[in-house]
């Protein structure tokens, strides 16, 4: 699928329960680490920029926040993840 630059859609994940939230946490951690590695190696191109735009919200300070809806009856798992502590 070819998408014109600037027209890529954002992805919001819905993570349910302890298992879903732990898997989602690992997913976002892996994506962020891969993108940071690309940025540090100066290979950060259009593909990486679109990945950031799809999976993360970027604030005015350049900090990434995962686009995720987390559902659990116990808050321990939700607050254990560093991507979601600011919520």
C-alpha atoms as a PDB file:
ATOM      1  CA  UNK A   1       0.000   0.000   0.000  1.00  0.00           C
ATOM      2  CA  UNK A   2       1.392   3.401  -0.948  1.00  0.00           C
ATOM      3  CA  UNK A   3       0.459   6.302   1.328  1.00  0.00           C
ATOM      4  CA  UNK A   4       1.201   9.905   0.400  1.00  0.00           C
ATOM      5  CA  UNK A   5       3.585  11.609   2.814  1.00  0.00           C
ATOM      6  CA  UNK A   6       1.711  13.184   5.709  1.00  0.00           C
ATOM      7  CA  UNK A   7      -1.412  11.082   5.171  1.00  0.00           C
ATOM      8  CA  UNK A   8      -0.486   8.064   7.285  1.00  0.00           C
ATOM      9  CA  UNK A   9      -3.074   7.010   9.848  1.00  0.00           C
ATOM     10  CA  UNK A  10      -2.409   6.771  13.557  1.00  0.00           C
ATOM     11  CA  UNK A  11      -2.802   3.451  15.328  1.00  0.00           C
ATOM     12  CA  UNK A  12      -4.381   3.224  18.769  1.00  0.00           C
ATOM     13  CA  UNK A  13      -4.003  -0.096  20.539  1.00  0.00           C
ATOM     14  CA  UNK A  14      -6.540  -1.445  23.012  1.00  0.00           C
ATOM     15  CA  UNK A  15      -4.896  -3.576  25.686  1.00  0.00           C
ATOM     16  CA  UNK A  16      -7.081  -5.685  27.974  1.00  0.00           C
ATOM     17  CA  UNK A  17      -6.129  -7.287  31.272  1.00  0.00           C
ATOM     18  CA  UNK A  18      -2.747  -8.001  32.773  1.00  0.00           C
ATOM     19  CA  UNK A  19      -1.518 -10.129  29.864  1.00  0.00           C
ATOM     20  CA  UNK A  20      -2.674  -7.671  27.194  1.00  0.00           C
ATOM     21  CA  UNK A  21      -1.102  -4.747  29.018  1.00  0.00           C
ATOM     22  CA  UNK A  22       2.195  -6.574  29.520  1.00  0.00           C
ATOM     23  CA  UNK A  23       2.336  -7.580  25.853  1.00  0.00           C
ATOM     24  CA  UNK A  24       1.422  -4.021  24.806  1.00  0.00           C
ATOM     25  CA  UNK A  25       4.095  -2.626  27.091  1.00  0.00           C
ATOM     26  CA  UNK A  26       6.733  -4.869  25.541  1.00  0.00           C
ATOM     27  CA  UNK A  27       5.523  -3.999  22.035  1.00  0.00           C
ATOM     28  CA  UNK A  28       5.822  -0.242  22.599  1.00  0.00           C
ATOM     29  CA  UNK A  29       9.164  -0.687  24.337  1.00  0.00           C
ATOM     30  CA  UNK A  30      10.508  -2.675  21.368  1.00  0.00           C
ATOM     31  CA  UNK A  31       9.221  -0.176  18.791  1.00  0.00           C
ATOM     32  CA  UNK A  32      10.632   2.769  20.759  1.00  0.00           C
ATOM     33  CA  UNK A  33      14.024   1.084  21.181  1.00  0.00           C
ATOM     34  CA  UNK A  34      14.232   0.265  17.463  1.00  0.00           C
ATOM     35  CA  UNK A  35      13.309   3.819  16.507  1.00  0.00           C
ATOM     36  CA  UNK A  36      15.799   5.293  18.995  1.00  0.00           C
ATOM     37  CA  UNK A  37      18.515   3.034  17.575  1.00  0.00           C
ATOM     38  CA  UNK A  38      17.725   4.328  14.077  1.00  0.00           C
ATOM     39  CA  UNK A  39      17.801   7.927  15.303  1.00  0.00           C
ATOM     40  CA  UNK A  40      21.160   7.418  17.020  1.00  0.00           C
ATOM     41  CA  UNK A  41      22.691   5.868  13.889  1.00  0.00           C
ATOM     42  CA  UNK A  42      21.542   8.820  11.752  1.00  0.00           C
ATOM     43  CA  UNK A  43      19.435   6.511   9.575  1.00  0.00           C
ATOM     44  CA  UNK A  44      16.174   8.119  10.705  1.00  0.00           C
ATOM     45  CA  UNK A  45      14.213   8.460   7.491  1.00  0.00           C
ATOM     46  CA  UNK A  46      10.643   8.741   6.280  1.00  0.00           C
ATOM     47  CA  UNK A  47       9.759   5.197   7.388  1.00  0.00           C
ATOM     48  CA  UNK A  48      10.915   5.777  10.962  1.00  0.00           C
ATOM     49  CA  UNK A  49       9.199   9.160  11.126  1.00  0.00           C
ATOM     50  CA  UNK A  50       5.921   7.605   9.993  1.00  0.00           C
ATOM     51  CA  UNK A  51       6.297   4.849  12.629  1.00  0.00           C
ATOM     52  CA  UNK A  52       6.680   7.462  15.365  1.00  0.00           C
ATOM     53  CA  UNK A  53       3.624   9.322  14.059  1.00  0.00           C
ATOM     54  CA  UNK A  54       1.571   6.116  13.929  1.00  0.00           C
ATOM     55  CA  UNK A  55       2.376   4.594  17.306  1.00  0.00           C
ATOM     56  CA  UNK A  56       3.181   7.614  19.498  1.00  0.00           C
ATOM     57  CA  UNK A  57       1.973  11.111  20.270  1.00  0.00           C
ATOM     58  CA  UNK A  58       4.880  13.548  20.375  1.00  0.00           C
ATOM     59  CA  UNK A  59       4.608  16.553  22.675  1.00  0.00           C
ATOM     60  CA  UNK A  60       6.226  19.975  22.221  1.00  0.00           C
ATOM     61  CA  UNK A  61       9.344  18.745  24.060  1.00  0.00           C
ATOM     62  CA  UNK A  62       9.799  15.776  21.724  1.00  0.00           C
ATOM     63  CA  UNK A  63       8.692  13.178  24.305  1.00  0.00           C
ATOM     64  CA  UNK A  64       6.833  10.159  22.978  1.00  0.00           C
ATOM     65  CA  UNK A  65       3.629   8.833  24.545  1.00  0.00           C
ATOM     66  CA  UNK A  66       2.229   5.516  23.327  1.00  0.00           C
ATOM     67  CA  UNK A  67      -1.192   5.682  21.660  1.00  0.00           C
ATOM     68  CA  UNK A  68      -2.908   3.046  23.778  1.00  0.00           C
ATOM     69  CA  UNK A  69      -6.089   2.436  25.716  1.00  0.00           C
ATOM     70  CA  UNK A  70      -5.308   0.233  28.683  1.00  0.00           C
ATOM     71  CA  UNK A  71      -8.075  -1.615  30.534  1.00  0.00           C
ATOM     72  CA  UNK A  72      -7.527  -3.525  33.756  1.00  0.00           C
ATOM     73  CA  UNK A  73      -9.284  -3.874  37.096  1.00  0.00           C
ATOM     74  CA  UNK A  74      -5.962  -3.688  38.961  1.00  0.00           C
ATOM     75  CA  UNK A  75      -3.870  -0.510  38.453  1.00  0.00           C
ATOM     76  CA  UNK A  76      -0.550  -2.160  39.447  1.00  0.00           C
ATOM     77  CA  UNK A  77       0.255  -3.334  35.909  1.00  0.00           C
ATOM     78  CA  UNK A  78      -0.816  -0.041  34.342  1.00  0.00           C
ATOM     79  CA  UNK A  79       1.448   2.098  36.525  1.00  0.00           C
ATOM     80  CA  UNK A  80       4.425  -0.286  36.297  1.00  0.00           C
ATOM     81  CA  UNK A  81       5.028   0.705  32.685  1.00  0.00           C
ATOM     82  CA  UNK A  82       7.187   3.784  32.124  1.00  0.00           C
ATOM     83  CA  UNK A  83       5.345   4.742  28.908  1.00  0.00           C
ATOM     84  CA  UNK A  84       2.137   5.346  30.835  1.00  0.00           C
ATOM     85  CA  UNK A  85       3.307   6.931  34.094  1.00  0.00           C
ATOM     86  CA  UNK A  86       2.443  10.462  32.969  1.00  0.00           C
ATOM     87  CA  UNK A  87      -1.247   9.572  32.535  1.00  0.00           C
END
